[in-house]
Amino acid sequence: MSKGDHSRLEGEVTLDAFLAGRIKVSQPGSGYRAGLDAVVLAATIANTGEARVLDLGAGVGTAGLCIAARLPKAEVVLLEREPALAALAQQNIARNGMAERVSVI
């Protein structure tokens, strides 16, 4: 992203799979990219039934989506300050069919 303009992404966007393809995520092709760290973070949330999770600095939503995939009763809110990343997170929620349980702010 160019300095001062955080409303759009520069360069390509890739489509990547997580959790053996259960989650598909669009993310910027360069800069910070979600990887195994998001999957490991999601795995730390215990499956105790219903859960409410707030993912601060969610980026494109990878960790939150992995939590929602692992915990079918979890409600997840993704909070991201960069509009372009939040827009990708919204697309990723829809792509993975999780709009009923996952939202982005």
C-alpha atoms as a PDB file:
ATOM      1  CA  MET A   1       0.000   0.000   0.000  1.00  0.00           C
ATOM      2  CA  SER A   2       1.230   3.429  -0.736  1.00  0.00           C
ATOM      3  CA  LYS A   3       2.051   5.690   2.170  1.00  0.00           C
ATOM      4  CA  GLY A   4      -1.002   7.690   3.176  1.00  0.00           C
ATOM      5  CA  ASP A   5      -3.444   5.675   1.028  1.00  0.00           C
ATOM      6  CA  HIS A   6      -4.614   2.586   2.863  1.00  0.00           C
ATOM      7  CA  SER A   7      -7.869   2.200   0.948  1.00  0.00           C
ATOM      8  CA  ARG A   8      -6.472   0.008  -1.827  1.00  0.00           C
ATOM      9  CA  LEU A   9      -3.915  -2.696  -2.393  1.00  0.00           C
ATOM     10  CA  GLU A  10      -1.032  -2.448  -4.812  1.00  0.00           C
ATOM     11  CA  GLY A  11       0.101  -5.526  -6.703  1.00  0.00           C
ATOM     12  CA  GLU A  12      -1.443  -8.928  -6.992  1.00  0.00           C
ATOM     13  CA  VAL A  13      -3.755 -10.761  -4.656  1.00  0.00           C
ATOM     14  CA  THR A  14      -3.320 -14.501  -4.243  1.00  0.00           C
ATOM     15  CA  LEU A  15      -5.800 -17.206  -3.249  1.00  0.00           C
ATOM     16  CA  ASP A  16      -4.332 -19.542  -0.633  1.00  0.00           C
ATOM     17  CA  ALA A  17      -5.697 -22.619   1.137  1.00  0.00           C
ATOM     18  CA  PHE A  18      -5.484 -23.403   4.845  1.00  0.00           C
ATOM     19  CA  LEU A  19      -6.556 -26.387   6.953  1.00  0.00           C
ATOM     20  CA  ALA A  20      -6.054 -28.842   4.087  1.00  0.00           C
ATOM     21  CA  GLY A  21      -8.184 -26.676   1.783  1.00  0.00           C
ATOM     22  CA  ARG A  22     -11.126 -26.188   4.169  1.00  0.00           C
ATOM     23  CA  ILE A  23     -10.444 -22.433   4.195  1.00  0.00           C
ATOM     24  CA  LYS A  24      -9.551 -20.379   1.126  1.00  0.00           C
ATOM     25  CA  VAL A  25      -8.213 -16.872   1.667  1.00  0.00           C
ATOM     26  CA  SER A  26      -7.417 -14.017  -0.714  1.00  0.00           C
ATOM     27  CA  GLN A  27      -4.454 -12.006   0.527  1.00  0.00           C
ATOM     28  CA  PRO A  28      -1.904  -9.530  -0.831  1.00  0.00           C
ATOM     29  CA  GLY A  29       0.840 -11.149  -2.877  1.00  0.00           C
ATOM     30  CA  SER A  30       3.521  -9.096  -1.125  1.00  0.00           C
ATOM     31  CA  GLY A  31       4.051  -7.677   2.342  1.00  0.00           C
ATOM     32  CA  TYR A  32       2.732  -9.530   5.368  1.00  0.00           C
ATOM     33  CA  ARG A  33       1.060 -12.789   4.377  1.00  0.00           C
ATOM     34  CA  ALA A  34      -0.848 -15.146   6.619  1.00  0.00           C
ATOM     35  CA  GLY A  35       0.718 -18.552   7.031  1.00  0.00           C
ATOM     36  CA  LEU A  36       1.143 -21.306   9.556  1.00  0.00           C
ATOM     37  CA  ASP A  37       1.185 -18.784  12.418  1.00  0.00           C
ATOM     38  CA  ALA A  38      -2.527 -18.044  11.871  1.00  0.00           C
ATOM     39  CA  VAL A  39      -3.366 -21.755  11.879  1.00  0.00           C
ATOM     40  CA  VAL A  40      -1.368 -22.349  15.076  1.00  0.00           C
ATOM     41  CA  LEU A  41      -3.000 -19.343  16.756  1.00  0.00           C
ATOM     42  CA  ALA A  42      -6.459 -20.662  15.836  1.00  0.00           C
ATOM     43  CA  ALA A  43      -5.537 -24.071  17.250  1.00  0.00           C
ATOM     44  CA  THR A  44      -4.934 -22.538  20.694  1.00  0.00           C
ATOM     45  CA  ILE A  45      -8.659 -21.821  21.134  1.00  0.00           C
ATOM     46  CA  ALA A  46     -10.170 -24.685  23.111  1.00  0.00           C
ATOM     47  CA  ASN A  47     -13.312 -26.333  21.773  1.00  0.00           C
ATOM     48  CA  THR A  48     -15.537 -25.846  24.807  1.00  0.00           C
ATOM     49  CA  GLY A  49     -18.780 -25.495  22.881  1.00  0.00           C
ATOM     50  CA  GLU A  50     -20.020 -22.024  22.100  1.00  0.00           C
ATOM     51  CA  ALA A  51     -17.363 -19.313  21.892  1.00  0.00           C
ATOM     52  CA  ARG A  52     -17.192 -15.622  21.073  1.00  0.00           C
ATOM     53  CA  VAL A  53     -13.892 -14.494  19.598  1.00  0.00           C
ATOM     54  CA  LEU A  54     -12.599 -11.026  18.728  1.00  0.00           C
ATOM     55  CA  ASP A  55      -9.618 -11.077  16.346  1.00  0.00           C
ATOM     56  CA  LEU A  56      -7.816  -7.734  16.723  1.00  0.00           C
ATOM     57  CA  GLY A  57      -5.707  -6.742  13.731  1.00  0.00           C
ATOM     58  CA  ALA A  58      -7.326  -9.524  11.736  1.00  0.00           C
ATOM     59  CA  GLY A  59      -5.802  -8.662   8.370  1.00  0.00           C
ATOM     60  CA  VAL A  60      -7.619 -10.736   5.756  1.00  0.00           C
ATOM     61  CA  GLY A  61      -9.210 -12.896   8.458  1.00  0.00           C
ATOM     62  CA  THR A  62      -7.174 -16.100   8.259  1.00  0.00           C
ATOM     63  CA  ALA A  63      -6.917 -16.847  11.991  1.00  0.00           C
ATOM     64  CA  GLY A  64     -10.566 -16.011  12.659  1.00  0.00           C
ATOM     65  CA  LEU A  65     -11.746 -18.109   9.740  1.00  0.00           C
ATOM     66  CA  CYS A  66      -9.626 -21.033  10.933  1.00  0.00           C
ATOM     67  CA  ILE A  67     -11.230 -20.696  14.371  1.00  0.00           C
ATOM     68  CA  ALA A  68     -14.696 -20.684  12.822  1.00  0.00           C
ATOM     69  CA  ALA A  69     -13.827 -23.762  10.746  1.00  0.00           C
ATOM     70  CA  ARG A  70     -12.598 -25.656  13.817  1.00  0.00           C
ATOM     71  CA  LEU A  71     -15.367 -24.539  16.171  1.00  0.00           C
ATOM     72  CA  PRO A  72     -18.770 -24.813  14.465  1.00  0.00           C
ATOM     73  CA  LYS A  73     -20.571 -22.914  17.262  1.00  0.00           C
ATOM     74  CA  ALA A  74     -18.086 -20.044  17.492  1.00  0.00           C
ATOM     75  CA  GLU A  75     -19.023 -16.464  16.645  1.00  0.00           C
ATOM     76  CA  VAL A  76     -16.032 -14.505  15.363  1.00  0.00           C
ATOM     77  CA  VAL A  77     -15.589 -10.759  14.862  1.00  0.00           C
ATOM     78  CA  LEU A  78     -12.621  -9.637  12.770  1.00  0.00           C
ATOM     79  CA  LEU A  79     -11.386  -6.121  13.564  1.00  0.00           C
ATOM     80  CA  GLU A  80      -9.078  -4.556  10.959  1.00  0.00           C
ATOM     81  CA  ARG A  81      -8.149  -0.860  10.550  1.00  0.00           C
ATOM     82  CA  GLU A  82      -6.850  -1.091   6.964  1.00  0.00           C
ATOM     83  CA  PRO A  83      -9.874  -0.772   4.627  1.00  0.00           C
ATOM     84  CA  ALA A  84      -8.314  -2.838   1.825  1.00  0.00           C
ATOM     85  CA  LEU A  85      -7.535  -5.734   4.177  1.00  0.00           C
ATOM     86  CA  ALA A  86     -10.982  -5.481   5.779  1.00  0.00           C
ATOM     87  CA  ALA A  87     -12.530  -5.685   2.289  1.00  0.00           C
ATOM     88  CA  LEU A  88     -10.533  -8.844   1.568  1.00  0.00           C
ATOM     89  CA  ALA A  89     -11.618 -10.246   4.944  1.00  0.00           C
ATOM     90  CA  GLN A  90     -15.260  -9.626   3.985  1.00  0.00           C
ATOM     91  CA  GLN A  91     -14.710 -11.421   0.675  1.00  0.00           C
ATOM     92  CA  ASN A  92     -13.029 -14.301   2.500  1.00  0.00           C
ATOM     93  CA  ILE A  93     -15.960 -14.651   4.888  1.00  0.00           C
ATOM     94  CA  ALA A  94     -18.353 -14.925   1.947  1.00  0.00           C
ATOM     95  CA  ARG A  95     -16.037 -17.258  -0.021  1.00  0.00           C
ATOM     96  CA  ASN A  96     -15.975 -19.670   2.911  1.00  0.00           C
ATOM     97  CA  GLY A  97     -19.716 -19.483   3.594  1.00  0.00           C
ATOM     98  CA  MET A  98     -19.317 -18.132   7.124  1.00  0.00           C
ATOM     99  CA  ALA A  99     -21.339 -14.911   7.001  1.00  0.00           C
ATOM    100  CA  GLU A 100     -23.767 -16.178   9.646  1.00  0.00           C
ATOM    101  CA  ARG A 101     -21.017 -16.569  12.256  1.00  0.00           C
ATOM    102  CA  VAL A 102     -18.147 -14.325  11.162  1.00  0.00           C
ATOM    103  CA  SER A 103     -18.250 -10.558  10.654  1.00  0.00           C
ATOM    104  CA  VAL A 104     -15.702  -7.827  10.018  1.00  0.00           C
ATOM    105  CA  ILE A 105     -15.408  -4.320  11.433  1.00  0.00           C
END
